[in-house]
PDB file of N, CA and C in Angstrom:
ATOM      1  N   MET A   1      86.189 106.593 134.490  1.00  0.00           N
ATOM      2  CA  MET A   1      84.992 106.426 133.880  1.00  0.00           C
ATOM      3  C   MET A   1      85.683 105.533 132.423  1.00  0.00           C
ATOM      4  N   THR A   2      87.005 105.876 132.105  1.00  0.00           N
ATOM      5  CA  THR A   2      87.669 105.119 130.860  1.00  0.00           C
ATOM      6  C   THR A   2      88.171 103.891 131.568  1.00  0.00           C
ATOM      7  N   LEU A   3      88.581 103.603 132.614  1.00  0.00           N
ATOM      8  CA  LEU A   3      88.515 102.000 132.893  1.00  0.00           C
ATOM      9  C   LEU A   3      87.399 101.345 133.026  1.00  0.00           C
ATOM     10  N   ILE A   4      86.330 101.796 133.519  1.00  0.00           N
ATOM     11  CA  ILE A   4      85.322 100.635 133.277  1.00  0.00           C
ATOM     12  C   ILE A   4      84.258 100.538 132.172  1.00  0.00           C
ATOM     13  N   MET A   5      85.200 101.518 130.857  1.00  0.00           N
ATOM     14  CA  MET A   5      84.166 101.187 129.521  1.00  0.00           C
ATOM     15  C   MET A   5      85.794 100.310 129.328  1.00  0.00           C
ATOM     16  N   GLY A   6      86.796 100.345 129.822  1.00  0.00           N
ATOM     17  CA  GLY A   6      87.842  99.009 129.335  1.00  0.00           C
ATOM     18  C   GLY A   6      87.337  97.781 130.011  1.00  0.00           C
ATOM     19  N   LEU A   7      87.166  98.019 130.908  1.00  0.00           N
ATOM     20  CA  LEU A   7      86.705  96.543 131.546  1.00  0.00           C
ATOM     21  C   LEU A   7      85.705  95.858 131.234  1.00  0.00           C
ATOM     22  N   GLY A   8      84.312  96.572 131.084  1.00  0.00           N
ATOM     23  CA  GLY A   8      83.561  96.015 130.053  1.00  0.00           C
ATOM     24  C   GLY A   8      84.416  95.478 128.669  1.00  0.00           C
ATOM     25  N   LEU A   9      84.667  96.495 128.105  1.00  0.00           N
ATOM     26  CA  LEU A   9      84.754  96.026 126.387  1.00  0.00           C
ATOM     27  C   LEU A   9      85.404  94.251 126.856  1.00  0.00           C
ATOM     28  N   LEU A  10      86.659  94.804 127.714  1.00  0.00           N
ATOM     29  CA  LEU A  10      87.569  92.980 128.338  1.00  0.00           C
ATOM     30  C   LEU A  10      86.288  92.132 128.249  1.00  0.00           C
ATOM     31  N   ALA A  11      85.196  92.153 129.015  1.00  0.00           N
ATOM     32  CA  ALA A  11      84.273  91.400 129.592  1.00  0.00           C
ATOM     33  C   ALA A  11      83.824  91.084 128.011  1.00  0.00           C
ATOM     34  N   VAL A  12      83.215  91.758 127.583  1.00  0.00           N
ATOM     35  CA  VAL A  12      82.303  91.570 126.315  1.00  0.00           C
ATOM     36  C   VAL A  12      83.287  90.742 125.296  1.00  0.00           C
ATOM     37  N   LEU A  13      84.684  91.081 125.301  1.00  0.00           N
ATOM     38  CA  LEU A  13      85.377  90.463 124.103  1.00  0.00           C
ATOM     39  C   LEU A  13      85.787  88.322 124.656  1.00  0.00           C
ATOM     40  N   VAL A  14      85.813  88.884 126.197  1.00  0.00           N
ATOM     41  CA  VAL A  14      86.062  87.104 126.934  1.00  0.00           C
ATOM     42  C   VAL A  14      84.426  86.405 126.854  1.00  0.00           C
ATOM     43  N   ILE A  15      83.640  87.106 126.935  1.00  0.00           N
ATOM     44  CA  ILE A  15      82.187  86.182 126.133  1.00  0.00           C
ATOM     45  C   ILE A  15      82.313  85.708 125.123  1.00  0.00           C
ATOM     46  N   VAL A  16      82.137  86.402 123.937  1.00  0.00           N
ATOM     47  CA  VAL A  16      82.202  86.485 122.149  1.00  0.00           C
ATOM     48  C   VAL A  16      83.341  85.248 122.355  1.00  0.00           C
ATOM     49  N   GLN A  17      84.153  85.677 123.178  1.00  0.00           N
ATOM     50  CA  GLN A  17      85.104  84.362 122.868  1.00  0.00           C
ATOM     51  C   GLN A  17      84.705  83.001 123.166  1.00  0.00           C
ATOM     52  N   ILE A  18      84.245  82.845 124.393  1.00  0.00           N
ATOM     53  CA  ILE A  18      84.207  81.841 124.917  1.00  0.00           C
ATOM     54  C   ILE A  18      82.625  81.291 123.999  1.00  0.00           C
ATOM     55  N   PHE A  19      81.708  81.939 123.415  1.00  0.00           N
ATOM     56  CA  PHE A  19      80.523  81.810 122.658  1.00  0.00           C
ATOM     57  C   PHE A  19      80.950  80.997 121.542  1.00  0.00           C
ATOM     58  N   LEU A  20      81.954  81.574 120.737  1.00  0.00           N
ATOM     59  CA  LEU A  20      82.334  81.176 119.640  1.00  0.00           C
ATOM     60  C   LEU A  20      83.341  80.083 119.322  1.00  0.00           C
ATOM     61  N   SER A  21      83.984  79.650 120.720  1.00  0.00           N
ATOM     62  CA  SER A  21      84.707  78.635 121.361  1.00  0.00           C
ATOM     63  C   SER A  21      83.662  77.672 121.074  1.00  0.00           C
ATOM     64  N   LYS A  22      82.831  77.619 121.758  1.00  0.00           N
ATOM     65  CA  LYS A  22      81.802  76.497 122.217  1.00  0.00           C
ATOM     66  C   LYS A  22      80.606  76.349 121.107  1.00  0.00           C
ATOM     67  N   LEU A  23      81.151  76.766 119.779  1.00  0.00           N
ATOM     68  CA  LEU A  23      80.101  76.437 118.545  1.00  0.00           C
ATOM     69  C   LEU A  23      80.781  75.053 118.041  1.00  0.00           C
ATOM     70  N   ASN A  24      80.433  74.565 117.324  1.00  0.00           N
ATOM     71  CA  ASN A  24      80.282  72.736 116.287  1.00  0.00           C
ATOM     72  C   ASN A  24      81.641  73.168 115.567  1.00  0.00           C
ATOM     73  N   GLY A  25      82.010  74.090 115.075  1.00  0.00           N
ATOM     74  CA  GLY A  25      82.948  74.673 113.795  1.00  0.00           C
ATOM     75  C   GLY A  25      84.360  74.495 114.685  1.00  0.00           C
ATOM     76  N   ARG A  26      85.321  74.579 114.404  1.00  0.00           N
ATOM     77  CA  ARG A  26      86.757  74.873 114.426  1.00  0.00           C
ATOM     78  C   ARG A  26      86.899  76.245 114.818  1.00  0.00           C
ATOM     79  N   TRP A  27      86.591  76.380 112.963  1.00  0.00           N
ATOM     80  CA  TRP A  27      87.502  77.761 112.928  1.00  0.00           C
ATOM     81  C   TRP A  27      86.998  79.060 113.786  1.00  0.00           C
ATOM     82  N   PRO A  28      85.378  79.308 113.827  1.00  0.00           N
ATOM     83  CA  PRO A  28      84.812  80.704 114.528  1.00  0.00           C
ATOM     84  C   PRO A  28      85.290  81.154 115.970  1.00  0.00           C
ATOM     85  N   GLY A  29      85.880  80.312 117.019  1.00  0.00           N
ATOM     86  CA  GLY A  29      86.659  80.555 117.969  1.00  0.00           C
ATOM     87  C   GLY A  29      88.034  80.959 118.068  1.00  0.00           C
ATOM     88  N   LEU A  30      88.450  80.683 116.427  1.00  0.00           N
ATOM     89  CA  LEU A  30      90.102  81.078 116.057  1.00  0.00           C
ATOM     90  C   LEU A  30      90.323  82.672 115.837  1.00  0.00           C
ATOM     91  N   ILE A  31      88.678  83.116 115.822  1.00  0.00           N
ATOM     92  CA  ILE A  31      88.435  84.551 114.633  1.00  0.00           C
ATOM     93  C   ILE A  31      89.312  85.285 115.534  1.00  0.00           C
ATOM     94  N   LEU A  32      88.818  85.497 116.889  1.00  0.00           N
ATOM     95  CA  LEU A  32      89.246  86.752 117.085  1.00  0.00           C
ATOM     96  C   LEU A  32      90.816  86.405 117.989  1.00  0.00           C
ATOM     97  N   PRO A  33      91.623  85.448 117.991  1.00  0.00           N
ATOM     98  CA  PRO A  33      92.837  85.301 118.150  1.00  0.00           C
ATOM     99  C   PRO A  33      93.571  85.783 116.813  1.00  0.00           C
ATOM    100  N   LEU A  34      92.807  85.029 115.546  1.00  0.00           N
ATOM    101  CA  LEU A  34      93.628  85.438 114.755  1.00  0.00           C
ATOM    102  C   LEU A  34      93.730  86.963 114.186  1.00  0.00           C
ATOM    103  N   LEU A  35      92.182  87.829 114.667  1.00  0.00           N
ATOM    104  CA  LEU A  35      92.100  89.465 114.462  1.00  0.00           C
ATOM    105  C   LEU A  35      93.253  89.821 115.107  1.00  0.00           C
ATOM    106  N   THR A  36      93.728  89.458 116.667  1.00  0.00           N
ATOM    107  CA  THR A  36      94.760  89.859 117.341  1.00  0.00           C
ATOM    108  C   THR A  36      95.714  89.792 117.476  1.00  0.00           C
ATOM    109  N   ALA A  37      96.187  88.910 116.564  1.00  0.00           N
ATOM    110  CA  ALA A  37      97.616  88.363 115.854  1.00  0.00           C
ATOM    111  C   ALA A  37      97.855  89.326 115.256  1.00  0.00           C
ATOM    112  N   ALA A  38      96.677  89.436 113.939  1.00  0.00           N
ATOM    113  CA  ALA A  38      97.295  90.213 113.001  1.00  0.00           C
ATOM    114  C   ALA A  38      97.288  91.562 113.356  1.00  0.00           C
ATOM    115  N   PHE A  39      96.618  92.574 114.608  1.00  0.00           N
ATOM    116  CA  PHE A  39      96.989  93.515 114.358  1.00  0.00           C
ATOM    117  C   PHE A  39      98.071  93.336 115.864  1.00  0.00           C
ATOM    118  N   SER A  40      99.174  92.653 116.047  1.00  0.00           N
ATOM    119  CA  SER A  40     100.337  92.860 116.959  1.00  0.00           C
ATOM    120  C   SER A  40     100.994  92.764 115.527  1.00  0.00           C
ATOM    121  N   ILE A  41     100.974  91.822 114.857  1.00  0.00           N
ATOM    122  CA  ILE A  41     101.702  92.153 113.128  1.00  0.00           C
ATOM    123  C   ILE A  41     102.003  93.479 112.651  1.00  0.00           C
ATOM    124  N   VAL A  42     100.945  94.259 112.771  1.00  0.00           N
ATOM    125  CA  VAL A  42     100.793  95.825 112.243  1.00  0.00           C
ATOM    126  C   VAL A  42     100.923  96.280 112.975  1.00  0.00           C
ATOM    127  N   THR A  43     100.730  96.175 113.879  1.00  0.00           N
ATOM    128  CA  THR A  43     101.378  97.402 115.453  1.00  0.00           C
ATOM    129  C   THR A  43     103.493  97.004 115.244  1.00  0.00           C
ATOM    130  N   GLY A  44     103.893  95.779 115.005  1.00  0.00           N
ATOM    131  CA  GLY A  44     105.041  95.585 114.801  1.00  0.00           C
ATOM    132  C   GLY A  44     105.892  96.283 113.813  1.00  0.00           C
ATOM    133  N   VAL A  45     105.182  96.036 112.623  1.00  0.00           N
ATOM    134  CA  VAL A  45     105.670  96.374 111.137  1.00  0.00           C
ATOM    135  C   VAL A  45     105.799  98.096 111.248  1.00  0.00           C
ATOM    136  N   GLY A  46     104.763  98.977 111.983  1.00  0.00           N
ATOM    137  CA  GLY A  46     104.716 100.289 112.014  1.00  0.00           C
ATOM    138  C   GLY A  46     105.638 100.856 113.029  1.00  0.00           C
ATOM    139  N   PHE A  47     105.829  99.553 114.040  1.00  0.00           N
ATOM    140  CA  PHE A  47     106.755 100.346 115.132  1.00  0.00           C
ATOM    141  C   PHE A  47     108.164 100.067 114.231  1.00  0.00           C
ATOM    142  N   VAL A  48     108.667  99.241 113.546  1.00  0.00           N
ATOM    143  CA  VAL A  48     110.082  99.122 113.178  1.00  0.00           C
ATOM    144  C   VAL A  48     109.943 100.363 111.638  1.00  0.00           C
ATOM    145  N   SER A  49     108.909 100.461 111.349  1.00  0.00           N
ATOM    146  CA  SER A  49     109.071 101.519 110.107  1.00  0.00           C
ATOM    147  C   SER A  49     108.902 103.034 110.759  1.00  0.00           C
ATOM    148  N   TYR A  50     108.696 103.122 111.827  1.00  0.00           N
ATOM    149  CA  TYR A  50     108.585 104.825 112.567  1.00  0.00           C
ATOM    150  C   TYR A  50     109.861 104.907 112.965  1.00  0.00           C
ATOM    151  N   THR A  51     110.769 103.559 113.968  1.00  0.00           N
ATOM    152  CA  THR A  51     111.952 103.459 114.747  1.00  0.00           C
ATOM    153  C   THR A  51     112.926 103.201 113.770  1.00  0.00           C
ATOM    154  N   SER A  52     112.845 103.110 112.436  1.00  0.00           N
ATOM    155  CA  SER A  52     113.844 102.328 111.852  1.00  0.00           C
ATOM    156  C   SER A  52     114.897 103.301 110.412  1.00  0.00           C
ATOM    157  N   TYR A  53     113.890 104.314 110.653  1.00  0.00           N
ATOM    158  CA  TYR A  53     114.719 105.808 109.671  1.00  0.00           C
ATOM    159  C   TYR A  53     115.389 106.323 110.247  1.00  0.00           C
ATOM    160  N   LEU A  54     116.466 106.889 109.672  1.00  0.00           N
ATOM    161  CA  LEU A  54     116.926 108.084 110.453  1.00  0.00           C
ATOM    162  C   LEU A  54     117.174 108.968 109.364  1.00  0.00           C
ATOM    163  N   THR A  55     116.531 110.261 109.666  1.00  0.00           N
ATOM    164  CA  THR A  55     116.478 111.369 108.347  1.00  0.00           C
ATOM    165  C   THR A  55     118.124 112.086 108.613  1.00  0.00           C
ATOM    166  N   THR A  56     118.789 112.042 107.595  1.00  0.00           N
ATOM    167  CA  THR A  56     119.935 112.773 107.606  1.00  0.00           C
ATOM    168  C   THR A  56     119.457 113.775 107.013  1.00  0.00           C
ATOM    169  N   PRO A  57     121.107 115.086 106.651  1.00  0.00           N
ATOM    170  CA  PRO A  57     121.102 115.636 106.044  1.00  0.00           C
ATOM    171  C   PRO A  57     120.764 115.539 103.898  1.00  0.00           C
ATOM    172  N   GLU A  58     121.317 114.505 103.687  1.00  0.00           N
ATOM    173  CA  GLU A  58     121.316 113.632 102.020  1.00  0.00           C
ATOM    174  C   GLU A  58     120.309 113.302 102.092  1.00  0.00           C
ATOM    175  N   GLY A  59     119.592 112.740 102.774  1.00  0.00           N
ATOM    176  CA  GLY A  59     118.087 112.065 102.463  1.00  0.00           C
ATOM    177  C   GLY A  59     117.950 111.251 103.730  1.00  0.00           C
ATOM    178  N   THR A  60     117.250 110.130 103.497  1.00  0.00           N
ATOM    179  CA  THR A  60     116.950 109.358 104.452  1.00  0.00           C
ATOM    180  C   THR A  60     117.092 107.723 104.311  1.00  0.00           C
ATOM    181  N   ALA A  61     118.309 107.067 105.297  1.00  0.00           N
ATOM    182  CA  ALA A  61     118.715 106.023 105.737  1.00  0.00           C
ATOM    183  C   ALA A  61     118.772 105.110 106.880  1.00  0.00           C
ATOM    184  N   THR A  62     118.337 104.250 106.240  1.00  0.00           N
ATOM    185  CA  THR A  62     117.394 102.293 107.190  1.00  0.00           C
ATOM    186  C   THR A  62     118.442 102.529 108.277  1.00  0.00           C
ATOM    187  N   LEU A  63     118.015 102.214 109.781  1.00  0.00           N
ATOM    188  CA  LEU A  63     118.907 102.118 110.402  1.00  0.00           C
ATOM    189  C   LEU A  63     118.015 101.262 111.479  1.00  0.00           C
ATOM    190  N   LEU A  64     119.049  99.913 111.104  1.00  0.00           N
ATOM    191  CA  LEU A  64     117.962  98.496 112.247  1.00  0.00           C
ATOM    192  C   LEU A  64     119.031  98.029 112.974  1.00  0.00           C
ATOM    193  N   THR A  65     119.210  98.494 114.461  1.00  0.00           N
ATOM    194  CA  THR A  65     120.172  98.285 115.187  1.00  0.00           C
ATOM    195  C   THR A  65     119.705  97.409 115.893  1.00  0.00           C
ATOM    196  N   ALA A  66     120.386  96.698 117.132  1.00  0.00           N
ATOM    197  CA  ALA A  66     120.355  95.925 117.963  1.00  0.00           C
ATOM    198  C   ALA A  66     118.599  96.608 118.916  1.00  0.00           C
ATOM    199  N   ASP A  67     119.087  97.426 119.236  1.00  0.00           N
ATOM    200  CA  ASP A  67     117.744  98.298 120.113  1.00  0.00           C
ATOM    201  C   ASP A  67     116.689  98.019 119.786  1.00  0.00           C
ATOM    202  N   ASN A  68     116.879  98.341 118.631  1.00  0.00           N
ATOM    203  CA  ASN A  68     115.550  98.740 117.742  1.00  0.00           C
ATOM    204  C   ASN A  68     114.435  97.023 117.640  1.00  0.00           C
ATOM    205  N   VAL A  69     115.715  96.106 117.455  1.00  0.00           N
ATOM    206  CA  VAL A  69     115.435  94.686 117.400  1.00  0.00           C
ATOM    207  C   VAL A  69     114.218  94.439 118.329  1.00  0.00           C
ATOM    208  N   LEU A  70     115.411  94.431 119.441  1.00  0.00           N
ATOM    209  CA  LEU A  70     114.817  94.178 121.044  1.00  0.00           C
ATOM    210  C   LEU A  70     114.141  94.805 121.106  1.00  0.00           C
ATOM    211  N   ALA A  71     113.449  96.082 120.820  1.00  0.00           N
ATOM    212  CA  ALA A  71     112.483  96.657 121.270  1.00  0.00           C
ATOM    213  C   ALA A  71     110.854  96.069 120.543  1.00  0.00           C
ATOM    214  N   LEU A  72     110.947  95.697 119.113  1.00  0.00           N
ATOM    215  CA  LEU A  72     110.556  95.355 118.407  1.00  0.00           C
ATOM    216  C   LEU A  72     109.837  93.706 119.039  1.00  0.00           C
ATOM    217  N   LEU A  73     111.079  93.079 119.326  1.00  0.00           N
ATOM    218  CA  LEU A  73     110.386  92.085 120.443  1.00  0.00           C
ATOM    219  C   LEU A  73     109.517  91.874 121.343  1.00  0.00           C
ATOM    220  N   SER A  74     109.916  93.113 122.130  1.00  0.00           N
ATOM    221  CA  SER A  74     108.977  93.342 123.175  1.00  0.00           C
ATOM    222  C   SER A  74     107.805  94.224 122.701  1.00  0.00           C
ATOM    223  N   VAL A  75     107.471  94.537 121.775  1.00  0.00           N
ATOM    224  CA  VAL A  75     106.040  95.248 121.477  1.00  0.00           C
ATOM    225  C   VAL A  75     105.598  93.759 120.986  1.00  0.00           C
ATOM    226  N   LEU A  76     106.213  92.964 120.398  1.00  0.00           N
ATOM    227  CA  LEU A  76     105.416  91.887 119.770  1.00  0.00           C
ATOM    228  C   LEU A  76     105.102  91.316 120.914  1.00  0.00           C
ATOM    229  N   LEU A  77     105.673  91.104 121.428  1.00  0.00           N
ATOM    230  CA  LEU A  77     105.384  90.036 123.319  1.00  0.00           C
ATOM    231  C   LEU A  77     104.172  90.392 123.903  1.00  0.00           C
ATOM    232  N   TYR A  78     104.316  92.359 123.749  1.00  0.00           N
ATOM    233  CA  TYR A  78     103.150  92.534 124.713  1.00  0.00           C
ATOM    234  C   TYR A  78     101.654  93.017 123.996  1.00  0.00           C
ATOM    235  N   MET A  79     102.348  93.225 122.735  1.00  0.00           N
ATOM    236  CA  MET A  79     100.753  92.793 122.029  1.00  0.00           C
ATOM    237  C   MET A  79      99.913  91.424 121.854  1.00  0.00           C
ATOM    238  N   ASN A  80     101.203  90.486 122.143  1.00  0.00           N
ATOM    239  CA  ASN A  80     100.242  89.135 121.983  1.00  0.00           C
ATOM    240  C   ASN A  80      99.767  88.374 123.089  1.00  0.00           C
ATOM    241  N   ILE A  81      99.682  89.404 123.899  1.00  0.00           N
ATOM    242  CA  ILE A  81      99.119  89.012 124.953  1.00  0.00           C
ATOM    243  C   ILE A  81      97.533  88.304 125.089  1.00  0.00           C
ATOM    244  N   PRO A  82      96.892  89.677 124.566  1.00  0.00           N
ATOM    245  CA  PRO A  82      95.529  89.211 124.456  1.00  0.00           C
ATOM    246  C   PRO A  82      95.181  88.080 123.617  1.00  0.00           C
ATOM    247  N   THR A  83      96.173  87.905 122.487  1.00  0.00           N
ATOM    248  CA  THR A  83      96.277  86.549 121.662  1.00  0.00           C
ATOM    249  C   THR A  83      96.498  85.507 122.196  1.00  0.00           C
ATOM    250  N   THR A  84      97.125  85.357 123.270  1.00  0.00           N
ATOM    251  CA  THR A  84      97.476  83.999 124.152  1.00  0.00           C
ATOM    252  C   THR A  84      96.318  84.210 125.176  1.00  0.00           C
ATOM    253  N   ILE A  85      95.772  84.808 125.408  1.00  0.00           N
ATOM    254  CA  ILE A  85      94.258  84.337 126.413  1.00  0.00           C
ATOM    255  C   ILE A  85      93.434  84.111 125.972  1.00  0.00           C
ATOM    256  N   LEU A  86      93.204  84.585 124.673  1.00  0.00           N
ATOM    257  CA  LEU A  86      91.510  83.792 123.536  1.00  0.00           C
ATOM    258  C   LEU A  86      92.086  82.993 123.120  1.00  0.00           C
ATOM    259  N   LEU A  87      93.785  82.603 122.835  1.00  0.00           N
ATOM    260  CA  LEU A  87      93.672  80.762 123.170  1.00  0.00           C
ATOM    261  C   LEU A  87      93.694  79.865 123.834  1.00  0.00           C
ATOM    262  N   ILE A  88      94.023  80.509 124.998  1.00  0.00           N
ATOM    263  CA  ILE A  88      93.783  79.599 126.113  1.00  0.00           C
ATOM    264  C   ILE A  88      92.327  79.543 126.421  1.00  0.00           C
ATOM    265  N   ILE A  89      91.737  80.258 126.327  1.00  0.00           N
ATOM    266  CA  ILE A  89      90.087  80.454 126.267  1.00  0.00           C
ATOM    267  C   ILE A  89      89.442  79.530 125.667  1.00  0.00           C
ATOM    268  N   TYR A  90      90.170  79.720 124.002  1.00  0.00           N
ATOM    269  CA  TYR A  90      89.593  78.908 123.044  1.00  0.00           C
ATOM    270  C   TYR A  90      90.347  77.074 123.232  1.00  0.00           C
ATOM    271  N   PHE A  91      91.260  77.085 123.660  1.00  0.00           N
ATOM    272  CA  PHE A  91      91.537  75.263 124.196  1.00  0.00           C
ATOM    273  C   PHE A  91      90.955  74.949 125.182  1.00  0.00           C
ATOM    274  N   LEU A  92      90.486  75.551 126.158  1.00  0.00           N
ATOM    275  CA  LEU A  92      89.661  75.387 127.333  1.00  0.00           C
ATOM    276  C   LEU A  92      88.497  74.783 126.546  1.00  0.00           C
ATOM    277  N   CYS A  93      87.603  75.835 125.970  1.00  0.00           N
ATOM    278  CA  CYS A  93      86.557  75.269 125.806  1.00  0.00           C
ATOM    279  C   CYS A  93      86.157  74.257 124.324  1.00  0.00           C
ATOM    280  N   ARG A  94      87.364  74.207 123.603  1.00  0.00           N
ATOM    281  CA  ARG A  94      87.792  73.116 122.805  1.00  0.00           C
ATOM    282  C   ARG A  94      87.587  71.941 123.642  1.00  0.00           C
ATOM    283  N   ALA A  95      88.436  71.987 124.697  1.00  0.00           N
ATOM    284  CA  ALA A  95      89.244  70.164 125.286  1.00  0.00           C
ATOM    285  C   ALA A  95      87.736  70.117 126.178  1.00  0.00           C
ATOM    286  N   LYS A  96      86.743  71.200 126.720  1.00  0.00           N
ATOM    287  CA  LYS A  96      85.561  70.015 127.486  1.00  0.00           C
ATOM    288  C   LYS A  96      84.495  69.935 126.075  1.00  0.00           C
ATOM    289  N   HIS A  97      84.450  70.296 124.878  1.00  0.00           N
ATOM    290  CA  HIS A  97      83.236  70.047 123.593  1.00  0.00           C
ATOM    291  C   HIS A  97      83.810  68.777 123.333  1.00  0.00           C
ATOM    292  N   ARG A  98      85.358  68.450 123.224  1.00  0.00           N
ATOM    293  CA  ARG A  98      85.772  67.520 122.860  1.00  0.00           C
ATOM    294  C   ARG A  98      85.341  66.195 123.705  1.00  0.00           C
ATOM    295  N   GLN A  99      85.544  66.387 125.056  1.00  0.00           N
ATOM    296  CA  GLN A  99      85.582  65.460 126.205  1.00  0.00           C
ATOM    297  C   GLN A  99      83.610  65.091 126.076  1.00  0.00           C
ATOM    298  N   LYS A 100      82.814  66.231 126.350  1.00  0.00           N
ATOM    299  CA  LYS A 100      81.591  65.821 125.696  1.00  0.00           C
ATOM    300  C   LYS A 100      81.204  65.106 124.448  1.00  0.00           C
ATOM    301  N   LYS A 101      82.087  65.206 123.432  1.00  0.00           N
ATOM    302  CA  LYS A 101      81.835  64.406 121.988  1.00  0.00           C
ATOM    303  C   LYS A 101      82.174  63.483 122.545  1.00  0.00           C
ATOM    304  N   GLY A 102      83.111  62.742 123.395  1.00  0.00           N
ATOM    305  CA  GLY A 102      83.440  61.671 123.123  1.00  0.00           C
ATOM    306  C   GLY A 102      82.356  60.864 124.446  1.00  0.00           C
ATOM    307  N   ILE A 103      81.611  61.494 125.352  1.00  0.00           N
ATOM    308  CA  ILE A 103      80.925  60.824 126.243  1.00  0.00           C
ATOM    309  C   ILE A 103      80.183  60.686 125.229  1.00  0.00           C
ATOM    310  N   ASP A 104      79.543  61.468 124.560  1.00  0.00           N
ATOM    311  CA  ASP A 104      78.261  60.839 123.387  1.00  0.00           C
ATOM    312  C   ASP A 104      78.524  60.057 122.694  1.00  0.00           C
ATOM    313  N   LYS A 105      79.446  59.842 122.437  1.00  0.00           N
ATOM    314  CA  LYS A 105      80.004  58.998 121.156  1.00  0.00           C
ATOM    315  C   LYS A 105      79.918  57.571 122.106  1.00  0.00           C
ATOM    316  N   MET A 106      80.325  57.445 123.287  1.00  0.00           N
ATOM    317  CA  MET A 106      80.229  56.485 123.884  1.00  0.00           C
ATOM    318  C   MET A 106      78.857  55.778 124.477  1.00  0.00           C
ATOM    319  N   ASN A 107      78.040  57.174 124.707  1.00  0.00           N
ATOM    320  CA  ASN A 107      76.848  56.652 124.990  1.00  0.00           C
ATOM    321  C   ASN A 107      76.395  56.143 124.172  1.00  0.00           C
ATOM    322  N   ILE A 108      76.296  56.392 122.830  1.00  0.00           N
ATOM    323  CA  ILE A 108      75.369  56.099 121.429  1.00  0.00           C
ATOM    324  C   ILE A 108      76.022  54.420 121.311  1.00  0.00           C
ATOM    325  N   GLN A 109      77.662  54.167 121.486  1.00  0.00           N
ATOM    326  CA  GLN A 109      78.144  52.511 121.558  1.00  0.00           C
ATOM    327  C   GLN A 109      77.086  51.981 122.424  1.00  0.00           C
ATOM    328  N   ASP A 110      76.886  52.053 123.329  1.00  0.00           N
ATOM    329  CA  ASP A 110      76.352  51.523 124.565  1.00  0.00           C
ATOM    330  C   ASP A 110      75.003  51.044 124.674  1.00  0.00           C
ATOM    331  N   LEU A 111      73.934  51.911 123.540  1.00  0.00           N
ATOM    332  CA  LEU A 111      73.252  51.235 122.840  1.00  0.00           C
ATOM    333  C   LEU A 111      72.882  50.291 122.171  1.00  0.00           C
TER     334      LEU A 111
END
């Protein structure tokens, strides 16, 4: 049941992204990619704040190791997969929009 709901949500997000990307303005199609990118940054900051502190008997000391940096990069890479997919949809829809606009401009010049 959860898988079906997740796939349904994914389908709705893709449909909304296609709709927003086909609008005349450039910015509506970038709303969802910007939201997912912001969410990935917030997740990365949360991950660093959770893993980079080591509690000692004297207090809290900051500990940022190479393992934590590698883990942060992998979290950011993983969390930006939806951003990449939404940007691909955006650029594909905008390419079709630009092509149609160019054809319309050529037809107007032919008149």
